[in-house]
Amino acid sequence: MLHAILHELQTASGPLTLRQLSRKLGVQESALEGMIQFWVRKGRLVVDDGAGGLSEMRVCHSIACGLRACPGPGACPLTLKPPIRFHLSS
């Protein structure tokens, strides 16, 4: 199964999200995460968070959500996390 992950990424036209890879391989996302981390540690895969290095994208400002002090992206209920994508390392 570990080599099937690499094969799917080699034949893909671009980076794949965890959900896309999970569907192609017929493996639960939670199980696939561990397998992907194995290849990341080995240096074979690269993780792309989809936001150019930003782990979260803000969609609100403190005045938009009505809070006096914005809690920040970690606690904001209006923060979106872009899908994480994976591709082979160069």
PDB file of N, CA and C in Angstrom:
ATOM      1  N   MET A   1       0.824  -1.191   0.000  1.00  0.00           N
ATOM      2  CA  MET A   1       0.000   0.000   0.000  1.00  0.00           C
ATOM      3  C   MET A   1       0.870   1.258   0.000  1.00  0.00           C
ATOM      4  N   LEU A   2       1.987   1.234   0.694  1.00  0.00           N
ATOM      5  CA  LEU A   2       2.863   2.406   0.726  1.00  0.00           C
ATOM      6  C   LEU A   2       3.352   2.779  -0.671  1.00  0.00           C
ATOM      7  N   HIS A   3       3.701   1.792  -1.457  1.00  0.00           N
ATOM      8  CA  HIS A   3       4.172   2.063  -2.810  1.00  0.00           C
ATOM      9  C   HIS A   3       3.027   2.477  -3.731  1.00  0.00           C
ATOM     10  N   ALA A   4       1.805   2.072  -3.413  1.00  0.00           N
ATOM     11  CA  ALA A   4       0.642   2.485  -4.202  1.00  0.00           C
ATOM     12  C   ALA A   4       0.426   3.987  -4.079  1.00  0.00           C
ATOM     13  N   ILE A   5       0.740   4.552  -2.930  1.00  0.00           N
ATOM     14  CA  ILE A   5       0.625   5.998  -2.731  1.00  0.00           C
ATOM     15  C   ILE A   5       1.575   6.718  -3.689  1.00  0.00           C
ATOM     16  N   LEU A   6       2.817   6.273  -3.713  1.00  0.00           N
ATOM     17  CA  LEU A   6       3.795   6.893  -4.608  1.00  0.00           C
ATOM     18  C   LEU A   6       3.380   6.741  -6.062  1.00  0.00           C
ATOM     19  N   HIS A   7       2.865   5.560  -6.421  1.00  0.00           N
ATOM     20  CA  HIS A   7       2.435   5.317  -7.798  1.00  0.00           C
ATOM     21  C   HIS A   7       1.313   6.279  -8.192  1.00  0.00           C
ATOM     22  N   GLU A   8       0.334   6.459  -7.325  1.00  0.00           N
ATOM     23  CA  GLU A   8      -0.780   7.361  -7.625  1.00  0.00           C
ATOM     24  C   GLU A   8      -0.287   8.786  -7.816  1.00  0.00           C
ATOM     25  N   LEU A   9       0.654   9.208  -6.998  1.00  0.00           N
ATOM     26  CA  LEU A   9       1.169  10.563  -7.114  1.00  0.00           C
ATOM     27  C   LEU A   9       2.036  10.735  -8.354  1.00  0.00           C
ATOM     28  N   GLN A  10       2.723   9.670  -8.758  1.00  0.00           N
ATOM     29  CA  GLN A  10       3.534   9.731  -9.976  1.00  0.00           C
ATOM     30  C   GLN A  10       2.662   9.862 -11.214  1.00  0.00           C
ATOM     31  N   THR A  11       1.523   9.209 -11.214  1.00  0.00           N
ATOM     32  CA  THR A  11       0.649   9.216 -12.385  1.00  0.00           C
ATOM     33  C   THR A  11      -0.354  10.366 -12.384  1.00  0.00           C
ATOM     34  N   ALA A  12      -0.441  11.088 -11.279  1.00  0.00           N
ATOM     35  CA  ALA A  12      -1.381  12.210 -11.191  1.00  0.00           C
ATOM     36  C   ALA A  12      -0.868  13.389 -12.009  1.00  0.00           C
ATOM     37  N   SER A  13      -1.781  14.207 -12.480  1.00  0.00           N
ATOM     38  CA  SER A  13      -1.400  15.371 -13.283  1.00  0.00           C
ATOM     39  C   SER A  13      -0.926  16.540 -12.421  1.00  0.00           C
ATOM     40  N   GLY A  14      -1.124  16.444 -11.111  1.00  0.00           N
ATOM     41  CA  GLY A  14      -0.706  17.496 -10.188  1.00  0.00           C
ATOM     42  C   GLY A  14      -0.847  17.001  -8.767  1.00  0.00           C
ATOM     43  N   PRO A  15      -0.666  17.890  -7.788  1.00  0.00           N
ATOM     44  CA  PRO A  15      -0.818  17.479  -6.386  1.00  0.00           C
ATOM     45  C   PRO A  15      -2.233  16.957  -6.117  1.00  0.00           C
ATOM     46  N   LEU A  16      -2.340  16.005  -5.198  1.00  0.00           N
ATOM     47  CA  LEU A  16      -3.634  15.439  -4.807  1.00  0.00           C
ATOM     48  C   LEU A  16      -3.911  15.785  -3.359  1.00  0.00           C
ATOM     49  N   THR A  17      -5.180  15.976  -3.029  1.00  0.00           N
ATOM     50  CA  THR A  17      -5.560  16.175  -1.635  1.00  0.00           C
ATOM     51  C   THR A  17      -5.668  14.812  -0.959  1.00  0.00           C
ATOM     52  N   LEU A  18      -5.705  14.832   0.341  1.00  0.00           N
ATOM     53  CA  LEU A  18      -5.857  13.596   1.107  1.00  0.00           C
ATOM     54  C   LEU A  18      -7.150  12.888   0.714  1.00  0.00           C
ATOM     55  N   ARG A  19      -8.211  13.647   0.549  1.00  0.00           N
ATOM     56  CA  ARG A  19      -9.513  13.057   0.178  1.00  0.00           C
ATOM     57  C   ARG A  19      -9.448  12.398  -1.194  1.00  0.00           C
ATOM     58  N   GLN A  20      -8.813  13.071  -2.157  1.00  0.00           N
ATOM     59  CA  GLN A  20      -8.697  12.494  -3.503  1.00  0.00           C
ATOM     60  C   GLN A  20      -7.894  11.204  -3.480  1.00  0.00           C
ATOM     61  N   LEU A  21      -6.784  11.225  -2.775  1.00  0.00           N
ATOM     62  CA  LEU A  21      -5.934  10.041  -2.692  1.00  0.00           C
ATOM     63  C   LEU A  21      -6.641   8.909  -1.959  1.00  0.00           C
ATOM     64  N   SER A  22      -7.371   9.248  -0.925  1.00  0.00           N
ATOM     65  CA  SER A  22      -8.131   8.252  -0.164  1.00  0.00           C
ATOM     66  C   SER A  22      -9.151   7.546  -1.047  1.00  0.00           C
ATOM     67  N   ARG A  23      -9.851   8.306  -1.853  1.00  0.00           N
ATOM     68  CA  ARG A  23     -10.854   7.724  -2.753  1.00  0.00           C
ATOM     69  C   ARG A  23     -10.214   6.843  -3.812  1.00  0.00           C
ATOM     70  N   LYS A  24      -9.099   7.306  -4.384  1.00  0.00           N
ATOM     71  CA  LYS A  24      -8.434   6.522  -5.429  1.00  0.00           C
ATOM     72  C   LYS A  24      -7.923   5.195  -4.909  1.00  0.00           C
ATOM     73  N   LEU A  25      -7.408   5.201  -3.670  1.00  0.00           N
ATOM     74  CA  LEU A  25      -6.819   3.987  -3.114  1.00  0.00           C
ATOM     75  C   LEU A  25      -7.808   3.144  -2.311  1.00  0.00           C
ATOM     76  N   GLY A  26      -8.977   3.692  -2.012  1.00  0.00           N
ATOM     77  CA  GLY A  26      -9.959   2.957  -1.221  1.00  0.00           C
ATOM     78  C   GLY A  26      -9.508   2.752   0.216  1.00  0.00           C
ATOM     79  N   VAL A  27      -8.846   3.758   0.770  1.00  0.00           N
ATOM     80  CA  VAL A  27      -8.312   3.697   2.134  1.00  0.00           C
ATOM     81  C   VAL A  27      -8.895   4.857   2.928  1.00  0.00           C
ATOM     82  N   GLN A  28      -9.214   4.620   4.191  1.00  0.00           N
ATOM     83  CA  GLN A  28      -9.715   5.697   5.032  1.00  0.00           C
ATOM     84  C   GLN A  28      -8.658   6.787   5.178  1.00  0.00           C
ATOM     85  N   GLU A  29      -9.133   8.035   5.224  1.00  0.00           N
ATOM     86  CA  GLU A  29      -8.224   9.168   5.323  1.00  0.00           C
ATOM     87  C   GLU A  29      -7.328   9.073   6.559  1.00  0.00           C
ATOM     88  N   SER A  30      -7.887   8.630   7.677  1.00  0.00           N
ATOM     89  CA  SER A  30      -7.101   8.552   8.909  1.00  0.00           C
ATOM     90  C   SER A  30      -5.945   7.559   8.776  1.00  0.00           C
ATOM     91  N   ALA A  31      -6.167   6.451   8.094  1.00  0.00           N
ATOM     92  CA  ALA A  31      -5.092   5.473   7.882  1.00  0.00           C
ATOM     93  C   ALA A  31      -4.079   5.995   6.869  1.00  0.00           C
ATOM     94  N   LEU A  32      -4.569   6.688   5.872  1.00  0.00           N
ATOM     95  CA  LEU A  32      -3.700   7.221   4.826  1.00  0.00           C
ATOM     96  C   LEU A  32      -2.760   8.298   5.356  1.00  0.00           C
ATOM     97  N   GLU A  33      -3.220   9.074   6.328  1.00  0.00           N
ATOM     98  CA  GLU A  33      -2.381  10.129   6.904  1.00  0.00           C
ATOM     99  C   GLU A  33      -1.069   9.569   7.450  1.00  0.00           C
ATOM    100  N   GLY A  34      -1.151   8.469   8.177  1.00  0.00           N
ATOM    101  CA  GLY A  34       0.058   7.851   8.729  1.00  0.00           C
ATOM    102  C   GLY A  34       0.999   7.361   7.645  1.00  0.00           C
ATOM    103  N   MET A  35       0.447   6.793   6.590  1.00  0.00           N
ATOM    104  CA  MET A  35       1.266   6.309   5.481  1.00  0.00           C
ATOM    105  C   MET A  35       1.953   7.469   4.764  1.00  0.00           C
ATOM    106  N   ILE A  36       1.227   8.553   4.596  1.00  0.00           N
ATOM    107  CA  ILE A  36       1.806   9.728   3.943  1.00  0.00           C
ATOM    108  C   ILE A  36       2.920  10.312   4.803  1.00  0.00           C
ATOM    109  N   GLN A  37       2.702  10.387   6.096  1.00  0.00           N
ATOM    110  CA  GLN A  37       3.740  10.919   6.986  1.00  0.00           C
ATOM    111  C   GLN A  37       5.003  10.068   6.934  1.00  0.00           C
ATOM    112  N   PHE A  38       4.851   8.772   6.726  1.00  0.00           N
ATOM    113  CA  PHE A  38       6.009   7.895   6.557  1.00  0.00           C
ATOM    114  C   PHE A  38       6.850   8.374   5.380  1.00  0.00           C
ATOM    115  N   TRP A  39       6.198   8.644   4.227  1.00  0.00           N
ATOM    116  CA  TRP A  39       6.921   9.077   3.039  1.00  0.00           C
ATOM    117  C   TRP A  39       7.460  10.501   3.181  1.00  0.00           C
ATOM    118  N   VAL A  40       6.762  11.340   3.935  1.00  0.00           N
ATOM    119  CA  VAL A  40       7.270  12.689   4.187  1.00  0.00           C
ATOM    120  C   VAL A  40       8.563  12.602   4.997  1.00  0.00           C
ATOM    121  N   ARG A  41       8.569  11.765   6.036  1.00  0.00           N
ATOM    122  CA  ARG A  41       9.783  11.591   6.861  1.00  0.00           C
ATOM    123  C   ARG A  41      10.940  11.032   6.036  1.00  0.00           C
ATOM    124  N   LYS A  42      10.636  10.171   5.091  1.00  0.00           N
ATOM    125  CA  LYS A  42      11.661   9.582   4.227  1.00  0.00           C
ATOM    126  C   LYS A  42      12.126  10.555   3.138  1.00  0.00           C
ATOM    127  N   GLY A  43      11.426  11.673   2.991  1.00  0.00           N
ATOM    128  CA  GLY A  43      11.805  12.662   1.994  1.00  0.00           C
ATOM    129  C   GLY A  43      11.261  12.414   0.604  1.00  0.00           C
ATOM    130  N   ARG A  44      10.353  11.456   0.464  1.00  0.00           N
ATOM    131  CA  ARG A  44       9.805  11.134  -0.862  1.00  0.00           C
ATOM    132  C   ARG A  44       8.599  11.998  -1.224  1.00  0.00           C
ATOM    133  N   LEU A  45       7.870  12.495  -0.217  1.00  0.00           N
ATOM    134  CA  LEU A  45       6.699  13.336  -0.468  1.00  0.00           C
ATOM    135  C   LEU A  45       6.883  14.707   0.150  1.00  0.00           C
ATOM    136  N   VAL A  46       6.230  15.675  -0.470  1.00  0.00           N
ATOM    137  CA  VAL A  46       6.213  17.041   0.027  1.00  0.00           C
ATOM    138  C   VAL A  46       4.766  17.401   0.334  1.00  0.00           C
ATOM    139  N   VAL A  47       4.559  18.075   1.462  1.00  0.00           N
ATOM    140  CA  VAL A  47       3.229  18.518   1.846  1.00  0.00           C
ATOM    141  C   VAL A  47       3.067  19.964   1.419  1.00  0.00           C
ATOM    142  N   ASP A  48       1.982  20.248   0.729  1.00  0.00           N
ATOM    143  CA  ASP A  48       1.659  21.599   0.286  1.00  0.00           C
ATOM    144  C   ASP A  48       0.341  21.959   0.944  1.00  0.00           C
ATOM    145  N   ASP A  49       0.374  22.966   1.835  1.00  0.00           N
ATOM    146  CA  ASP A  49      -0.848  23.314   2.552  1.00  0.00           C
ATOM    147  C   ASP A  49      -1.830  24.126   1.719  1.00  0.00           C
ATOM    148  N   GLY A  50      -1.483  24.423   0.475  1.00  0.00           N
ATOM    149  CA  GLY A  50      -2.414  25.094  -0.418  1.00  0.00           C
ATOM    150  C   GLY A  50      -2.552  26.585  -0.203  1.00  0.00           C
ATOM    151  N   ALA A  51      -1.833  27.139   0.759  1.00  0.00           N
ATOM    152  CA  ALA A  51      -1.972  28.569   1.048  1.00  0.00           C
ATOM    153  C   ALA A  51      -0.628  29.274   0.958  1.00  0.00           C
ATOM    154  N   GLY A  52       0.287  28.715   0.198  1.00  0.00           N
ATOM    155  CA  GLY A  52       1.573  29.358   0.053  1.00  0.00           C
ATOM    156  C   GLY A  52       2.340  29.462   1.354  1.00  0.00           C
ATOM    157  N   GLY A  53       2.234  28.455   2.207  1.00  0.00           N
ATOM    158  CA  GLY A  53       2.932  28.471   3.478  1.00  0.00           C
ATOM    159  C   GLY A  53       2.053  28.893   4.641  1.00  0.00           C
ATOM    160  N   LEU A  54       0.883  29.423   4.358  1.00  0.00           N
ATOM    161  CA  LEU A  54      -0.022  29.801   5.430  1.00  0.00           C
ATOM    162  C   LEU A  54      -0.894  28.610   5.764  1.00  0.00           C
ATOM    163  N   SER A  55      -1.019  28.298   7.028  1.00  0.00           N
ATOM    164  CA  SER A  55      -1.810  27.129   7.386  1.00  0.00           C
ATOM    165  C   SER A  55      -3.300  27.431   7.442  1.00  0.00           C
ATOM    166  N   GLU A  56      -3.663  28.710   7.533  1.00  0.00           N
ATOM    167  CA  GLU A  56      -5.071  29.062   7.602  1.00  0.00           C
ATOM    168  C   GLU A  56      -5.320  30.338   6.812  1.00  0.00           C
ATOM    169  N   MET A  57      -6.495  30.465   6.269  1.00  0.00           N
ATOM    170  CA  MET A  57      -6.863  31.669   5.549  1.00  0.00           C
ATOM    171  C   MET A  57      -7.932  32.389   6.359  1.00  0.00           C
ATOM    172  N   ARG A  58      -7.740  33.651   6.576  1.00  0.00           N
ATOM    173  CA  ARG A  58      -8.725  34.439   7.317  1.00  0.00           C
ATOM    174  C   ARG A  58      -9.839  34.866   6.369  1.00  0.00           C
ATOM    175  N   VAL A  59     -11.046  34.759   6.805  1.00  0.00           N
ATOM    176  CA  VAL A  59     -12.176  35.227   6.019  1.00  0.00           C
ATOM    177  C   VAL A  59     -12.954  36.282   6.779  1.00  0.00           C
ATOM    178  N   CYS A  60     -12.466  36.677   7.933  1.00  0.00           N
ATOM    179  CA  CYS A  60     -13.181  37.677   8.707  1.00  0.00           C
ATOM    180  C   CYS A  60     -12.203  38.678   9.310  1.00  0.00           C
ATOM    181  N   HIS A  61     -12.753  39.733   9.809  1.00  0.00           N
ATOM    182  CA  HIS A  61     -12.024  40.721  10.585  1.00  0.00           C
ATOM    183  C   HIS A  61     -12.770  40.834  11.905  1.00  0.00           C
ATOM    184  N   SER A  62     -12.161  41.372  12.918  1.00  0.00           N
ATOM    185  CA  SER A  62     -12.807  41.431  14.228  1.00  0.00           C
ATOM    186  C   SER A  62     -14.143  42.167  14.162  1.00  0.00           C
ATOM    187  N   ILE A  63     -14.253  43.179  13.307  1.00  0.00           N
ATOM    188  CA  ILE A  63     -15.532  43.887  13.227  1.00  0.00           C
ATOM    189  C   ILE A  63     -16.583  43.066  12.484  1.00  0.00           C
ATOM    190  N   ALA A  64     -16.147  42.208  11.579  1.00  0.00           N
ATOM    191  CA  ALA A  64     -17.096  41.402  10.815  1.00  0.00           C
ATOM    192  C   ALA A  64     -17.756  40.336  11.682  1.00  0.00           C
ATOM    193  N   CYS A  65     -17.007  39.774  12.623  1.00  0.00           N
ATOM    194  CA  CYS A  65     -17.610  38.723  13.449  1.00  0.00           C
ATOM    195  C   CYS A  65     -18.200  39.284  14.728  1.00  0.00           C
ATOM    196  N   GLY A  66     -18.061  40.598  14.950  1.00  0.00           N
ATOM    197  CA  GLY A  66     -18.708  41.235  16.083  1.00  0.00           C
ATOM    198  C   GLY A  66     -17.975  41.088  17.402  1.00  0.00           C
ATOM    199  N   LEU A  67     -16.765  40.567  17.387  1.00  0.00           N
ATOM    200  CA  LEU A  67     -16.011  40.417  18.622  1.00  0.00           C
ATOM    201  C   LEU A  67     -15.184  41.671  18.877  1.00  0.00           C
ATOM    202  N   ARG A  68     -15.095  42.069  20.115  1.00  0.00           N
ATOM    203  CA  ARG A  68     -14.271  43.237  20.453  1.00  0.00           C
ATOM    204  C   ARG A  68     -12.804  42.942  20.199  1.00  0.00           C
ATOM    205  N   ALA A  69     -12.347  41.827  20.672  1.00  0.00           N
ATOM    206  CA  ALA A  69     -10.963  41.417  20.462  1.00  0.00           C
ATOM    207  C   ALA A  69     -10.994  40.125  19.670  1.00  0.00           C
ATOM    208  N   CYS A  70     -10.528  40.204  18.450  1.00  0.00           N
ATOM    209  CA  CYS A  70     -10.535  39.014  17.597  1.00  0.00           C
ATOM    210  C   CYS A  70      -9.684  37.928  18.251  1.00  0.00           C
ATOM    211  N   PRO A  71     -10.195  36.704  18.362  1.00  0.00           N
ATOM    212  CA  PRO A  71      -9.449  35.631  19.026  1.00  0.00           C
ATOM    213  C   PRO A  71      -8.281  35.099  18.200  1.00  0.00           C
ATOM    214  N   GLY A  72      -8.151  35.522  16.956  1.00  0.00           N
ATOM    215  CA  GLY A  72      -7.070  35.032  16.111  1.00  0.00           C
ATOM    216  C   GLY A  72      -7.504  33.830  15.312  1.00  0.00           C
ATOM    217  N   PRO A  73      -6.705  33.443  14.322  1.00  0.00           N
ATOM    218  CA  PRO A  73      -7.111  32.364  13.423  1.00  0.00           C
ATOM    219  C   PRO A  73      -7.290  31.020  14.111  1.00  0.00           C
ATOM    220  N   GLY A  74      -6.583  30.765  15.194  1.00  0.00           N
ATOM    221  CA  GLY A  74      -6.714  29.475  15.867  1.00  0.00           C
ATOM    222  C   GLY A  74      -8.044  29.264  16.545  1.00  0.00           C
ATOM    223  N   ALA A  75      -8.696  30.368  16.973  1.00  0.00           N
ATOM    224  CA  ALA A  75      -9.953  30.250  17.700  1.00  0.00           C
ATOM    225  C   ALA A  75     -11.131  30.869  16.960  1.00  0.00           C
ATOM    226  N   CYS A  76     -10.880  31.483  15.824  1.00  0.00           N
ATOM    227  CA  CYS A  76     -11.947  32.144  15.074  1.00  0.00           C
ATOM    228  C   CYS A  76     -12.851  31.103  14.418  1.00  0.00           C
ATOM    229  N   PRO A  77     -14.162  31.213  14.643  1.00  0.00           N
ATOM    230  CA  PRO A  77     -15.070  30.247  14.011  1.00  0.00           C
ATOM    231  C   PRO A  77     -15.234  30.490  12.520  1.00  0.00           C
ATOM    232  N   LEU A  78     -14.737  31.608  12.010  1.00  0.00           N
ATOM    233  CA  LEU A  78     -14.881  31.935  10.595  1.00  0.00           C
ATOM    234  C   LEU A  78     -13.574  31.778   9.833  1.00  0.00           C
ATOM    235  N   THR A  79     -12.684  30.948  10.320  1.00  0.00           N
ATOM    236  CA  THR A  79     -11.412  30.705   9.658  1.00  0.00           C
ATOM    237  C   THR A  79     -11.516  29.434   8.836  1.00  0.00           C
ATOM    238  N   LEU A  80     -11.007  29.482   7.627  1.00  0.00           N
ATOM    239  CA  LEU A  80     -11.004  28.317   6.746  1.00  0.00           C
ATOM    240  C   LEU A  80      -9.605  27.739   6.669  1.00  0.00           C
ATOM    241  N   LYS A  81      -9.519  26.435   6.614  1.00  0.00           N
ATOM    242  CA  LYS A  81      -8.243  25.775   6.397  1.00  0.00           C
ATOM    243  C   LYS A  81      -8.250  25.204   4.996  1.00  0.00           C
ATOM    244  N   PRO A  82      -7.289  25.608   4.166  1.00  0.00           N
ATOM    245  CA  PRO A  82      -7.255  25.064   2.808  1.00  0.00           C
ATOM    246  C   PRO A  82      -6.903  23.579   2.836  1.00  0.00           C
ATOM    247  N   PRO A  83      -7.302  22.830   1.818  1.00  0.00           N
ATOM    248  CA  PRO A  83      -6.962  21.408   1.791  1.00  0.00           C
ATOM    249  C   PRO A  83      -5.462  21.220   1.667  1.00  0.00           C
ATOM    250  N   ILE A  84      -4.944  20.226   2.344  1.00  0.00           N
ATOM    251  CA  ILE A  84      -3.530  19.900   2.263  1.00  0.00           C
ATOM    252  C   ILE A  84      -3.349  18.981   1.060  1.00  0.00           C
ATOM    253  N   ARG A  85      -2.345  19.273   0.249  1.00  0.00           N
ATOM    254  CA  ARG A  85      -2.072  18.475  -0.947  1.00  0.00           C
ATOM    255  C   ARG A  85      -0.692  17.843  -0.825  1.00  0.00           C
ATOM    256  N   PHE A  86      -0.471  16.783  -1.569  1.00  0.00           N
ATOM    257  CA  PHE A  86       0.785  16.065  -1.523  1.00  0.00           C
ATOM    258  C   PHE A  86       1.314  15.871  -2.935  1.00  0.00           C
ATOM    259  N   HIS A  87       2.625  15.927  -3.062  1.00  0.00           N
ATOM    260  CA  HIS A  87       3.244  15.633  -4.339  1.00  0.00           C
ATOM    261  C   HIS A  87       4.630  15.049  -4.086  1.00  0.00           C
ATOM    262  N   LEU A  88       5.183  14.421  -5.111  1.00  0.00           N
ATOM    263  CA  LEU A  88       6.499  13.816  -4.986  1.00  0.00           C
ATOM    264  C   LEU A  88       7.567  14.888  -4.846  1.00  0.00           C
ATOM    265  N   SER A  89       8.594  14.606  -4.056  1.00  0.00           N
ATOM    266  CA  SER A  89       9.690  15.565  -3.929  1.00  0.00           C
ATOM    267  C   SER A  89      10.522  15.550  -5.205  1.00  0.00           C
ATOM    268  N   SER A  90      11.175  16.624  -5.464  1.00  0.00           N
ATOM    269  CA  SER A  90      11.973  16.748  -6.699  1.00  0.00           C
ATOM    270  C   SER A  90      13.272  15.999  -6.614  1.00  0.00           C
TER     271      SER A  90
END
